[in-house]
Amino acid sequence: MKKLILNYNADGESITPFNVEIYKQNVLDIYSNLLNRGYEEAIINISTELAIDLVRLLVVEDEIDLDEVQVIARFEDHILTMDKNGIFDKWPTGFLDMSERVCRRIIKARVKSN
């Protein structure tokens, strides 16, 4: 099966809400090339949670078909496989959890100040 590999690391591309539509089109173009040009795998280097969440959304909305392509994320020494619900089979500490950690600190600080 063909593979779309998401390398999640500090050296990857940064996606913001201001360039998300361009990124979405780039991912769909890469997916199309995987299907139509004979490539066995494509690697996307990314450094933001939003980038992976967008791929998860494309899978859930059936714009990426997991019957045709396996979506894998690489994080540190972990290999994670995405299912058709956009969920990874593993969720190691540090993987897509920065927003949650910041929100927890905000809540703790607010509770402490009251």
Protein backbone atom coordinates (compact mmCIF):
# COMPACT_ATOMS: atom_id res chain seq x y z
CA MET A 1 0.00 0.00 0.00
CA LYS A 2 1.16 3.53 -0.75
CA LYS A 3 2.19 5.67 2.23
CA LEU A 4 1.76 9.32 3.12
CA ILE A 5 4.34 9.92 5.85
CA LEU A 6 4.10 12.93 8.14
CA ASN A 7 7.44 13.70 9.81
CA TYR A 8 6.54 15.77 12.87
CA ASN A 9 9.68 17.56 14.03
CA ALA A 10 11.17 20.98 14.74
CA ASP A 11 12.65 21.26 11.23
CA GLY A 12 9.34 20.75 9.45
CA GLU A 13 7.09 23.25 7.72
CA SER A 14 5.06 25.54 9.96
CA ILE A 15 1.37 25.95 9.13
CA THR A 16 -0.69 28.86 10.41
CA PRO A 17 -4.38 29.72 10.06
CA PHE A 18 -3.25 32.23 7.42
CA ASN A 19 -1.79 29.62 5.05
CA VAL A 20 -3.93 26.59 5.85
CA GLU A 21 -5.79 26.58 2.51
CA ILE A 22 -2.51 26.62 0.57
CA TYR A 23 -1.21 23.78 2.74
CA LYS A 24 -4.44 21.83 2.23
CA GLN A 25 -4.07 22.09 -1.54
CA ASN A 26 -0.41 21.05 -1.33
CA VAL A 27 -1.36 17.94 0.67
CA LEU A 28 -4.12 17.06 -1.81
CA ASP A 29 -1.65 17.51 -4.70
CA ILE A 30 0.83 15.19 -2.97
CA TYR A 31 -1.96 12.65 -2.39
CA SER A 32 -2.98 12.86 -6.06
CA ASN A 33 0.62 12.36 -7.16
CA LEU A 34 0.88 9.28 -4.95
CA LEU A 35 -2.15 7.78 -6.66
CA ASN A 36 -1.44 8.81 -10.23
CA ARG A 37 2.32 8.97 -10.75
CA GLY A 38 3.47 5.62 -9.45
CA TYR A 39 5.14 6.82 -6.26
CA GLU A 40 5.08 4.38 -3.35
CA GLU A 41 5.44 6.98 -0.62
CA ALA A 42 5.50 10.70 -0.03
CA ILE A 43 7.04 12.43 2.96
CA ILE A 44 5.82 15.74 4.37
CA ASN A 45 7.97 17.43 7.01
CA ILE A 46 5.84 19.47 9.42
CA SER A 47 6.33 21.16 12.76
CA THR A 48 2.87 22.30 13.82
CA GLU A 49 -0.15 20.54 15.26
CA LEU A 50 -2.43 22.31 12.79
CA ALA A 51 -0.70 20.62 9.85
CA ILE A 52 -1.36 17.13 11.18
CA ASP A 53 -4.88 18.06 12.28
CA LEU A 54 -5.61 19.21 8.74
CA VAL A 55 -4.51 15.84 7.33
CA ARG A 56 -6.70 14.15 9.95
CA LEU A 57 -9.63 16.26 8.74
CA LEU A 58 -8.93 15.37 5.09
CA VAL A 59 -9.08 11.68 6.05
CA VAL A 60 -12.32 12.05 8.05
CA GLU A 61 -13.93 14.04 5.23
CA ASP A 62 -12.86 11.33 2.73
CA GLU A 63 -10.63 13.64 0.72
CA ILE A 64 -7.82 11.18 1.51
CA ASP A 65 -8.94 7.58 1.12
CA LEU A 66 -7.24 5.19 3.53
CA ASP A 67 -8.19 2.29 1.27
CA GLU A 68 -5.67 3.73 -1.19
CA VAL A 69 -3.04 5.34 1.04
CA GLN A 70 -1.80 4.62 4.54
CA VAL A 71 -1.18 7.76 6.61
CA ILE A 72 1.71 7.44 9.02
CA ALA A 73 3.21 9.99 11.41
CA ARG A 74 6.78 9.82 12.60
CA PHE A 75 7.51 11.48 15.92
CA GLU A 76 10.84 11.01 17.66
CA ASP A 77 11.26 7.21 17.66
CA HIS A 78 7.52 6.51 17.28
CA ILE A 79 5.66 5.38 14.17
CA LEU A 80 1.93 6.12 14.40
CA THR A 81 -0.75 4.92 12.00
CA MET A 82 -3.94 6.89 11.36
CA ASP A 83 -7.36 5.22 11.08
CA LYS A 84 -10.36 6.42 9.03
CA ASN A 85 -11.58 8.43 12.05
CA GLY A 86 -8.38 10.50 12.01
CA ILE A 87 -7.12 8.83 15.18
CA PHE A 88 -3.59 7.52 15.59
CA ASP A 89 -2.98 4.07 17.06
CA LYS A 90 -0.57 5.58 19.63
CA TRP A 91 -0.34 9.01 21.21
CA PRO A 92 3.06 9.46 22.85
CA THR A 93 3.81 12.31 25.23
CA GLY A 94 4.83 15.39 23.28
CA PHE A 95 2.86 14.44 20.17
CA LEU A 96 0.32 17.15 19.29
CA ASP A 97 -0.11 18.16 22.91
CA MET A 98 1.35 21.67 23.10
CA SER A 99 -2.05 23.43 22.86
CA GLU A 100 -3.43 21.20 25.59
CA ARG A 101 -0.42 21.85 27.84
CA VAL A 102 -0.73 25.61 27.37
CA CYS A 103 -4.47 25.52 28.11
CA ARG A 104 -3.86 23.51 31.28
CA ARG A 105 -1.32 26.08 32.45
CA ILE A 106 -3.77 28.91 31.76
CA ILE A 107 -6.47 27.15 33.78
CA LYS A 108 -4.08 26.44 36.66
CA ALA A 109 -2.88 30.05 36.69
CA ARG A 110 -6.47 31.36 36.68
CA VAL A 111 -7.49 29.03 39.51
CA LYS A 112 -4.41 30.02 41.49
CA SER A 113 -5.11 33.76 41.04
CA ASN A 114 -8.72 33.48 42.29
